[in-house]
C-alpha cells in the first residue's frame, strides 16, 4: 500500500498535481557540468531535456513549475547555462 495521496503522482525529481494539471520540478541544477571537477562533460543538457521530455510525455501537464534549485552554481553564470535553460524552455 502506498502512502502517496491520490491527488499526487511522482516522476523523477518531480511531482504531478492532477488537480492543477501541473508538473512541479525540483533539483534541476543547471550548471553542474561547469561546477564539476570531472574532465569529461557530464552531458547535463541532454540529460535534463531527456528527463523533462519523459515527464512531459507521461503527465502531459498544462503547466510546468520549477520549485527550486534551478541553478547549481552561485555567482557568475558559467558558459553553457543559458543554452541549457533555453533547451529546457524549448522542451516545454
PDB file of N, CA and C in Angstrom:
ATOM      1  N   UNK A   1       0.841  -1.182   0.000  1.00  0.00           N
ATOM      2  CA  UNK A   1       0.000   0.000   0.000  1.00  0.00           C
ATOM      3  C   UNK A   1       0.884   1.242   0.000  1.00  0.00           C
ATOM      4  N   UNK A   2       0.552   2.196  -0.825  1.00  0.00           N
ATOM      5  CA  UNK A   2       1.346   3.415  -0.952  1.00  0.00           C
ATOM      6  C   UNK A   2       0.799   4.518  -0.059  1.00  0.00           C
ATOM      7  N   UNK A   3       1.718   5.328   0.465  1.00  0.00           N
ATOM      8  CA  UNK A   3       1.309   6.482   1.260  1.00  0.00           C
ATOM      9  C   UNK A   3       1.119   7.721   0.398  1.00  0.00           C
ATOM     10  N   UNK A   4       1.279   7.585  -0.915  1.00  0.00           N
ATOM     11  CA  UNK A   4       1.126   8.723  -1.817  1.00  0.00           C
ATOM     12  C   UNK A   4      -0.342   9.114  -1.894  1.00  0.00           C
ATOM     13  N   UNK A   5      -0.642  10.393  -1.657  1.00  0.00           N
ATOM     14  CA  UNK A   5      -2.037  10.834  -1.762  1.00  0.00           C
ATOM     15  C   UNK A   5      -2.552  10.627  -3.186  1.00  0.00           C
ATOM     16  N   UNK A   6      -3.845  10.372  -3.353  1.00  0.00           N
ATOM     17  CA  UNK A   6      -4.387  10.122  -4.685  1.00  0.00           C
ATOM     18  C   UNK A   6      -4.299  11.327  -5.616  1.00  0.00           C
ATOM     19  N   UNK A   7      -4.086  12.509  -5.075  1.00  0.00           N
ATOM     20  CA  UNK A   7      -4.023  13.721  -5.894  1.00  0.00           C
ATOM     21  C   UNK A   7      -2.605  14.060  -6.331  1.00  0.00           C
ATOM     22  N   UNK A   8      -1.659  13.152  -6.088  1.00  0.00           N
ATOM     23  CA  UNK A   8      -0.258  13.426  -6.391  1.00  0.00           C
ATOM     24  C   UNK A   8       0.388  12.214  -7.049  1.00  0.00           C
ATOM     25  N   UNK A   9       1.150  12.465  -8.103  1.00  0.00           N
ATOM     26  CA  UNK A   9       1.906  11.397  -8.762  1.00  0.00           C
ATOM     27  C   UNK A   9       3.356  11.840  -8.860  1.00  0.00           C
ATOM     28  N   UNK A  10       4.280  10.914  -8.682  1.00  0.00           N
ATOM     29  CA  UNK A  10       5.693  11.263  -8.696  1.00  0.00           C
ATOM     30  C   UNK A  10       6.379  10.761  -9.952  1.00  0.00           C
ATOM     31  N   UNK A  11       7.282  11.594 -10.469  1.00  0.00           N
ATOM     32  CA  UNK A  11       8.189  11.214 -11.537  1.00  0.00           C
ATOM     33  C   UNK A  11       9.585  11.444 -11.007  1.00  0.00           C
ATOM     34  N   UNK A  12      10.549  11.446 -11.868  1.00  0.00           N
ATOM     35  CA  UNK A  12      11.934  11.620 -11.455  1.00  0.00           C
ATOM     36  C   UNK A  12      12.199  13.065 -11.020  1.00  0.00           C
ATOM     37  N   UNK A  13      12.419  13.269  -9.717  1.00  0.00           N
ATOM     38  CA  UNK A  13      12.638  14.596  -9.129  1.00  0.00           C
ATOM     39  C   UNK A  13      11.545  15.586  -9.525  1.00  0.00           C
ATOM     40  N   UNK A  14      10.327  15.084  -9.593  1.00  0.00           N
ATOM     41  CA  UNK A  14       9.194  15.918  -9.970  1.00  0.00           C
ATOM     42  C   UNK A  14       7.930  15.349  -9.339  1.00  0.00           C
ATOM     43  N   UNK A  15       6.935  16.205  -9.230  1.00  0.00           N
ATOM     44  CA  UNK A  15       5.621  15.768  -8.767  1.00  0.00           C
ATOM     45  C   UNK A  15       4.580  16.331  -9.722  1.00  0.00           C
ATOM     46  N   UNK A  16       3.593  15.520 -10.037  1.00  0.00           N
ATOM     47  CA  UNK A  16       2.491  15.969 -10.876  1.00  0.00           C
ATOM     48  C   UNK A  16       1.274  16.121  -9.984  1.00  0.00           C
ATOM     49  N   UNK A  17       0.634  17.281 -10.054  1.00  0.00           N
ATOM     50  CA  UNK A  17      -0.560  17.567  -9.265  1.00  0.00           C
ATOM     51  C   UNK A  17      -1.742  17.610 -10.234  1.00  0.00           C
ATOM     52  N   UNK A  18      -2.499  16.514 -10.329  1.00  0.00           N
ATOM     53  CA  UNK A  18      -3.576  16.450 -11.313  1.00  0.00           C
ATOM     54  C   UNK A  18      -4.614  17.557 -11.174  1.00  0.00           C
ATOM     55  N   UNK A  19      -4.969  17.926  -9.946  1.00  0.00           N
ATOM     56  CA  UNK A  19      -5.992  18.957  -9.752  1.00  0.00           C
ATOM     57  C   UNK A  19      -5.591  20.288 -10.373  1.00  0.00           C
ATOM     58  N   UNK A  20      -4.290  20.553 -10.434  1.00  0.00           N
ATOM     59  CA  UNK A  20      -3.784  21.791 -11.036  1.00  0.00           C
ATOM     60  C   UNK A  20      -3.250  21.546 -12.445  1.00  0.00           C
ATOM     61  N   UNK A  21      -3.231  20.295 -12.882  1.00  0.00           N
ATOM     62  CA  UNK A  21      -2.622  19.889 -14.157  1.00  0.00           C
ATOM     63  C   UNK A  21      -1.232  20.500 -14.279  1.00  0.00           C
ATOM     64  N   UNK A  22      -0.453  20.352 -13.196  1.00  0.00           N
ATOM     65  CA  UNK A  22       0.871  20.985 -13.119  1.00  0.00           C
ATOM     66  C   UNK A  22       1.947  19.961 -12.778  1.00  0.00           C
ATOM     67  N   UNK A  23       3.060  20.079 -13.477  1.00  0.00           N
ATOM     68  CA  UNK A  23       4.253  19.294 -13.189  1.00  0.00           C
ATOM     69  C   UNK A  23       5.209  20.206 -12.433  1.00  0.00           C
ATOM     70  N   UNK A  24       5.605  19.796 -11.238  1.00  0.00           N
ATOM     71  CA  UNK A  24       6.489  20.599 -10.401  1.00  0.00           C
ATOM     72  C   UNK A  24       7.862  19.933 -10.393  1.00  0.00           C
ATOM     73  N   UNK A  25       8.862  20.644 -10.914  1.00  0.00           N
ATOM     74  CA  UNK A  25      10.228  20.126 -10.991  1.00  0.00           C
ATOM     75  C   UNK A  25      11.037  20.615  -9.800  1.00  0.00           C
ATOM     76  N   UNK A  26      11.922  19.789  -9.315  1.00  0.00           N
ATOM     77  CA  UNK A  26      12.817  20.174  -8.228  1.00  0.00           C
ATOM     78  C   UNK A  26      14.228  19.697  -8.551  1.00  0.00           C
ATOM     79  N   UNK A  27      15.193  20.366  -7.983  1.00  0.00           N
ATOM     80  CA  UNK A  27      16.599  19.956  -8.112  1.00  0.00           C
ATOM     81  C   UNK A  27      17.053  19.809  -9.563  1.00  0.00           C
ATOM     82  N   UNK A  28      16.763  20.818 -10.373  1.00  0.00           N
ATOM     83  CA  UNK A  28      17.169  20.791 -11.777  1.00  0.00           C
ATOM     84  C   UNK A  28      18.691  20.941 -11.885  1.00  0.00           C
ATOM     85  N   UNK A  29      19.264  21.860 -11.146  1.00  0.00           N
ATOM     86  CA  UNK A  29      20.717  22.045 -11.033  1.00  0.00           C
ATOM     87  C   UNK A  29      21.436  22.282 -12.359  1.00  0.00           C
ATOM     88  N   UNK A  30      20.943  23.233 -13.140  1.00  0.00           N
ATOM     89  CA  UNK A  30      21.653  23.628 -14.359  1.00  0.00           C
ATOM     90  C   UNK A  30      22.990  24.232 -13.946  1.00  0.00           C
ATOM     91  N   UNK A  31      24.051  23.808 -14.592  1.00  0.00           N
ATOM     92  CA  UNK A  31      25.387  24.293 -14.280  1.00  0.00           C
ATOM     93  C   UNK A  31      26.245  23.273 -13.571  1.00  0.00           C
ATOM     94  N   UNK A  32      25.721  22.082 -13.365  1.00  0.00           N
ATOM     95  CA  UNK A  32      26.516  21.060 -12.658  1.00  0.00           C
ATOM     96  C   UNK A  32      27.719  20.630 -13.479  1.00  0.00           C
ATOM     97  N   UNK A  33      27.600  20.663 -14.822  1.00  0.00           N
ATOM     98  CA  UNK A  33      28.766  20.352 -15.668  1.00  0.00           C
ATOM     99  C   UNK A  33      29.914  21.306 -15.359  1.00  0.00           C
ATOM    100  N   UNK A  34      29.600  22.598 -15.329  1.00  0.00           N
ATOM    101  CA  UNK A  34      30.632  23.616 -15.107  1.00  0.00           C
ATOM    102  C   UNK A  34      31.207  23.537 -13.699  1.00  0.00           C
ATOM    103  N   UNK A  35      30.385  23.129 -12.731  1.00  0.00           N
ATOM    104  CA  UNK A  35      30.838  23.064 -11.343  1.00  0.00           C
ATOM    105  C   UNK A  35      31.612  21.784 -11.040  1.00  0.00           C
ATOM    106  N   UNK A  36      31.535  20.812 -11.935  1.00  0.00           N
ATOM    107  CA  UNK A  36      32.181  19.522 -11.715  1.00  0.00           C
ATOM    108  C   UNK A  36      33.673  19.600 -11.982  1.00  0.00           C
ATOM    109  N   UNK A  37      34.428  18.832 -11.227  1.00  0.00           N
ATOM    110  CA  UNK A  37      35.868  18.723 -11.459  1.00  0.00           C
ATOM    111  C   UNK A  37      36.197  17.609 -12.457  1.00  0.00           C
ATOM    112  N   UNK A  38      35.168  16.978 -13.006  1.00  0.00           N
ATOM    113  CA  UNK A  38      35.359  15.895 -13.964  1.00  0.00           C
ATOM    114  C   UNK A  38      35.810  16.488 -15.294  1.00  0.00           C
ATOM    115  N   UNK A  39      36.862  15.934 -15.866  1.00  0.00           N
ATOM    116  CA  UNK A  39      37.417  16.464 -17.116  1.00  0.00           C
ATOM    117  C   UNK A  39      36.465  16.276 -18.296  1.00  0.00           C
ATOM    118  N   UNK A  40      35.677  15.204 -18.272  1.00  0.00           N
ATOM    119  CA  UNK A  40      34.729  14.960 -19.353  1.00  0.00           C
ATOM    120  C   UNK A  40      33.375  15.546 -18.980  1.00  0.00           C
ATOM    121  N   UNK A  41      32.681  16.169 -19.924  1.00  0.00           N
ATOM    122  CA  UNK A  41      31.357  16.718 -19.625  1.00  0.00           C
ATOM    123  C   UNK A  41      30.391  15.614 -19.188  1.00  0.00           C
ATOM    124  N   UNK A  42      29.482  15.971 -18.303  1.00  0.00           N
ATOM    125  CA  UNK A  42      28.512  15.009 -17.791  1.00  0.00           C
ATOM    126  C   UNK A  42      27.313  14.840 -18.720  1.00  0.00           C
ATOM    127  N   UNK A  43      27.200  15.670 -19.741  1.00  0.00           N
ATOM    128  CA  UNK A  43      26.060  15.585 -20.645  1.00  0.00           C
ATOM    129  C   UNK A  43      24.807  16.175 -20.037  1.00  0.00           C
ATOM    130  N   UNK A  44      24.996  17.222 -19.259  1.00  0.00           N
ATOM    131  CA  UNK A  44      23.912  17.829 -18.498  1.00  0.00           C
ATOM    132  C   UNK A  44      22.711  18.207 -19.356  1.00  0.00           C
ATOM    133  N   UNK A  45      22.936  18.940 -20.429  1.00  0.00           N
ATOM    134  CA  UNK A  45      21.822  19.450 -21.225  1.00  0.00           C
ATOM    135  C   UNK A  45      20.984  18.303 -21.782  1.00  0.00           C
ATOM    136  N   UNK A  46      21.622  17.331 -22.400  1.00  0.00           N
ATOM    137  CA  UNK A  46      20.891  16.201 -22.974  1.00  0.00           C
ATOM    138  C   UNK A  46      20.150  15.429 -21.889  1.00  0.00           C
ATOM    139  N   UNK A  47      20.785  15.226 -20.741  1.00  0.00           N
ATOM    140  CA  UNK A  47      20.166  14.501 -19.636  1.00  0.00           C
ATOM    141  C   UNK A  47      18.924  15.229 -19.140  1.00  0.00           C
ATOM    142  N   UNK A  48      19.030  16.524 -18.912  1.00  0.00           N
ATOM    143  CA  UNK A  48      17.893  17.298 -18.409  1.00  0.00           C
ATOM    144  C   UNK A  48      16.739  17.301 -19.401  1.00  0.00           C
ATOM    145  N   UNK A  49      17.043  17.523 -20.668  1.00  0.00           N
ATOM    146  CA  UNK A  49      15.991  17.579 -21.683  1.00  0.00           C
ATOM    147  C   UNK A  49      15.337  16.205 -21.856  1.00  0.00           C
ATOM    148  N   UNK A  50      16.118  15.134 -21.826  1.00  0.00           N
ATOM    149  CA  UNK A  50      15.545  13.784 -21.933  1.00  0.00           C
ATOM    150  C   UNK A  50      14.615  13.483 -20.759  1.00  0.00           C
ATOM    151  N   UNK A  51      15.058  13.821 -19.545  1.00  0.00           N
ATOM    152  CA  UNK A  51      14.205  13.579 -18.371  1.00  0.00           C
ATOM    153  C   UNK A  51      12.934  14.410 -18.444  1.00  0.00           C
ATOM    154  N   UNK A  52      13.055  15.680 -18.851  1.00  0.00           N
ATOM    155  CA  UNK A  52      11.885  16.542 -18.964  1.00  0.00           C
ATOM    156  C   UNK A  52      10.939  16.026 -20.045  1.00  0.00           C
ATOM    157  N   UNK A  53      11.469  15.633 -21.190  1.00  0.00           N
ATOM    158  CA  UNK A  53      10.631  15.078 -22.259  1.00  0.00           C
ATOM    159  C   UNK A  53       9.847  13.863 -21.769  1.00  0.00           C
ATOM    160  N   UNK A  54      10.505  12.991 -21.008  1.00  0.00           N
ATOM    161  CA  UNK A  54       9.836  11.795 -20.483  1.00  0.00           C
ATOM    162  C   UNK A  54       8.717  12.171 -19.512  1.00  0.00           C
ATOM    163  N   UNK A  55       8.984  13.141 -18.638  1.00  0.00           N
ATOM    164  CA  UNK A  55       7.960  13.587 -17.690  1.00  0.00           C
ATOM    165  C   UNK A  55       6.787  14.246 -18.412  1.00  0.00           C
ATOM    166  N   UNK A  56       7.082  15.062 -19.419  1.00  0.00           N
ATOM    167  CA  UNK A  56       6.019  15.717 -20.187  1.00  0.00           C
ATOM    168  C   UNK A  56       5.170  14.680 -20.924  1.00  0.00           C
ATOM    169  N   UNK A  57       5.806  13.658 -21.471  1.00  0.00           N
ATOM    170  CA  UNK A  57       5.067  12.603 -22.168  1.00  0.00           C
ATOM    171  C   UNK A  57       4.205  11.794 -21.196  1.00  0.00           C
ATOM    172  N   UNK A  58       4.732  11.557 -20.001  1.00  0.00           N
ATOM    173  CA  UNK A  58       3.992  10.759 -19.019  1.00  0.00           C
ATOM    174  C   UNK A  58       2.785  11.499 -18.459  1.00  0.00           C
ATOM    175  N   UNK A  59       2.962  12.775 -18.118  1.00  0.00           N
ATOM    176  CA  UNK A  59       1.909  13.502 -17.411  1.00  0.00           C
ATOM    177  C   UNK A  59       1.130  14.494 -18.271  1.00  0.00           C
ATOM    178  N   UNK A  60       1.688  14.956 -19.384  1.00  0.00           N
ATOM    179  CA  UNK A  60       1.047  15.933 -20.273  1.00  0.00           C
ATOM    180  C   UNK A  60       0.460  17.122 -19.501  1.00  0.00           C
ATOM    181  N   UNK A  61       1.281  17.820 -18.709  1.00  0.00           N
ATOM    182  CA  UNK A  61       0.768  18.916 -17.886  1.00  0.00           C
ATOM    183  C   UNK A  61       0.471  20.175 -18.703  1.00  0.00           C
ATOM    184  N   UNK A  62      -0.460  20.975 -18.196  1.00  0.00           N
ATOM    185  CA  UNK A  62      -0.731  22.282 -18.794  1.00  0.00           C
ATOM    186  C   UNK A  62       0.296  23.301 -18.321  1.00  0.00           C
ATOM    187  N   UNK A  63       0.850  23.064 -17.128  1.00  0.00           N
ATOM    188  CA  UNK A  63       1.788  24.000 -16.513  1.00  0.00           C
ATOM    189  C   UNK A  63       3.002  23.242 -15.990  1.00  0.00           C
ATOM    190  N   UNK A  64       4.177  23.859 -16.140  1.00  0.00           N
ATOM    191  CA  UNK A  64       5.408  23.316 -15.565  1.00  0.00           C
ATOM    192  C   UNK A  64       5.977  24.370 -14.618  1.00  0.00           C
ATOM    193  N   UNK A  65       6.267  23.960 -13.394  1.00  0.00           N
ATOM    194  CA  UNK A  65       6.784  24.859 -12.369  1.00  0.00           C
ATOM    195  C   UNK A  65       8.146  24.344 -11.912  1.00  0.00           C
ATOM    196  N   UNK A  66       9.124  25.241 -11.806  1.00  0.00           N
ATOM    197  CA  UNK A  66      10.416  24.881 -11.217  1.00  0.00           C
ATOM    198  C   UNK A  66      10.370  25.343  -9.769  1.00  0.00           C
ATOM    199  N   UNK A  67      10.354  24.382  -8.845  1.00  0.00           N
ATOM    200  CA  UNK A  67      10.165  24.692  -7.431  1.00  0.00           C
ATOM    201  C   UNK A  67      11.432  25.187  -6.752  1.00  0.00           C
ATOM    202  N   UNK A  68      12.564  24.911  -7.309  1.00  0.00           N
ATOM    203  CA  UNK A  68      13.791  25.382  -6.684  1.00  0.00           C
ATOM    204  C   UNK A  68      15.013  24.695  -7.243  1.00  0.00           C
ATOM    205  N   UNK A  69      16.148  25.234  -6.884  1.00  0.00           N
ATOM    206  CA  UNK A  69      17.438  24.707  -7.323  1.00  0.00           C
ATOM    207  C   UNK A  69      17.526  24.595  -8.840  1.00  0.00           C
ATOM    208  N   UNK A  70      17.138  25.669  -9.517  1.00  0.00           N
ATOM    209  CA  UNK A  70      17.286  25.697 -10.971  1.00  0.00           C
ATOM    210  C   UNK A  70      18.759  25.719 -11.340  1.00  0.00           C
ATOM    211  N   UNK A  71      19.535  26.580 -10.665  1.00  0.00           N
ATOM    212  CA  UNK A  71      20.965  26.682 -10.950  1.00  0.00           C
ATOM    213  C   UNK A  71      21.771  25.947  -9.890  1.00  0.00           C
ATOM    214  N   UNK A  72      22.849  25.328 -10.326  1.00  0.00           N
ATOM    215  CA  UNK A  72      23.728  24.578  -9.430  1.00  0.00           C
ATOM    216  C   UNK A  72      24.853  25.459  -8.888  1.00  0.00           C
ATOM    217  N   UNK A  73      25.018  26.633  -9.442  1.00  0.00           N
ATOM    218  CA  UNK A  73      26.165  27.483  -9.126  1.00  0.00           C
ATOM    219  C   UNK A  73      25.725  28.747  -8.407  1.00  0.00           C
ATOM    220  N   UNK A  74      26.680  29.370  -7.762  1.00  0.00           N
ATOM    221  CA  UNK A  74      26.470  30.686  -7.148  1.00  0.00           C
ATOM    222  C   UNK A  74      27.434  31.647  -7.821  1.00  0.00           C
ATOM    223  N   UNK A  75      27.045  32.892  -7.898  1.00  0.00           N
ATOM    224  CA  UNK A  75      27.939  33.877  -8.507  1.00  0.00           C
ATOM    225  C   UNK A  75      27.724  33.963  -9.999  1.00  0.00           C
ATOM    226  N   UNK A  76      28.814  33.957 -10.741  1.00  0.00           N
ATOM    227  CA  UNK A  76      28.746  34.092 -12.192  1.00  0.00           C
ATOM    228  C   UNK A  76      28.078  32.878 -12.833  1.00  0.00           C
ATOM    229  N   UNK A  77      27.313  33.161 -13.872  1.00  0.00           N
ATOM    230  CA  UNK A  77      26.666  32.085 -14.621  1.00  0.00           C
ATOM    231  C   UNK A  77      27.695  31.484 -15.571  1.00  0.00           C
ATOM    232  N   UNK A  78      27.987  30.188 -15.439  1.00  0.00           N
ATOM    233  CA  UNK A  78      29.014  29.564 -16.276  1.00  0.00           C
ATOM    234  C   UNK A  78      28.593  29.438 -17.741  1.00  0.00           C
ATOM    235  N   UNK A  79      29.580  29.260 -18.607  1.00  0.00           N
ATOM    236  CA  UNK A  79      29.316  29.015 -20.019  1.00  0.00           C
ATOM    237  C   UNK A  79      28.399  27.809 -20.161  1.00  0.00           C
ATOM    238  N   UNK A  80      27.486  27.900 -21.087  1.00  0.00           N
ATOM    239  CA  UNK A  80      26.589  26.786 -21.374  1.00  0.00           C
ATOM    240  C   UNK A  80      25.281  26.816 -20.619  1.00  0.00           C
ATOM    241  N   UNK A  81      25.225  27.522 -19.493  1.00  0.00           N
ATOM    242  CA  UNK A  81      23.995  27.545 -18.693  1.00  0.00           C
ATOM    243  C   UNK A  81      22.843  28.206 -19.452  1.00  0.00           C
ATOM    244  N   UNK A  82      23.041  29.379 -20.064  1.00  0.00           N
ATOM    245  CA  UNK A  82      21.918  29.975 -20.803  1.00  0.00           C
ATOM    246  C   UNK A  82      21.381  29.050 -21.898  1.00  0.00           C
ATOM    247  N   UNK A  83      22.267  28.352 -22.581  1.00  0.00           N
ATOM    248  CA  UNK A  83      21.841  27.436 -23.635  1.00  0.00           C
ATOM    249  C   UNK A  83      21.050  26.256 -23.063  1.00  0.00           C
ATOM    250  N   UNK A  84      21.452  25.780 -21.895  1.00  0.00           N
ATOM    251  CA  UNK A  84      20.723  24.679 -21.262  1.00  0.00           C
ATOM    252  C   UNK A  84      19.341  25.139 -20.820  1.00  0.00           C
ATOM    253  N   UNK A  85      19.246  26.319 -20.232  1.00  0.00           N
ATOM    254  CA  UNK A  85      17.940  26.859 -19.834  1.00  0.00           C
ATOM    255  C   UNK A  85      17.067  27.049 -21.076  1.00  0.00           C
ATOM    256  N   UNK A  86      17.646  27.537 -22.170  1.00  0.00           N
ATOM    257  CA  UNK A  86      16.896  27.680 -23.428  1.00  0.00           C
ATOM    258  C   UNK A  86      16.382  26.325 -23.917  1.00  0.00           C
ATOM    259  N   UNK A  87      17.202  25.285 -23.807  1.00  0.00           N
ATOM    260  CA  UNK A  87      16.798  23.943 -24.243  1.00  0.00           C
ATOM    261  C   UNK A  87      15.653  23.410 -23.387  1.00  0.00           C
ATOM    262  N   UNK A  88      15.699  23.682 -22.089  1.00  0.00           N
ATOM    263  CA  UNK A  88      14.610  23.270 -21.194  1.00  0.00           C
ATOM    264  C   UNK A  88      13.336  24.013 -21.567  1.00  0.00           C
ATOM    265  N   UNK A  89      13.455  25.310 -21.784  1.00  0.00           N
ATOM    266  CA  UNK A  89      12.285  26.110 -22.164  1.00  0.00           C
ATOM    267  C   UNK A  89      11.699  25.621 -23.486  1.00  0.00           C
ATOM    268  N   UNK A  90      12.540  25.305 -24.449  1.00  0.00           N
ATOM    269  CA  UNK A  90      12.066  24.817 -25.746  1.00  0.00           C
ATOM    270  C   UNK A  90      11.340  23.477 -25.611  1.00  0.00           C
ATOM    271  N   UNK A  91      11.779  22.646 -24.668  1.00  0.00           N
ATOM    272  CA  UNK A  91      11.140  21.346 -24.459  1.00  0.00           C
ATOM    273  C   UNK A  91       9.727  21.499 -23.917  1.00  0.00           C
ATOM    274  N   UNK A  92       9.524  22.544 -23.138  1.00  0.00           N
ATOM    275  CA  UNK A  92       8.211  22.782 -22.548  1.00  0.00           C
ATOM    276  C   UNK A  92       7.312  23.404 -23.586  1.00  0.00           C
TER     277      UNK A  92
END
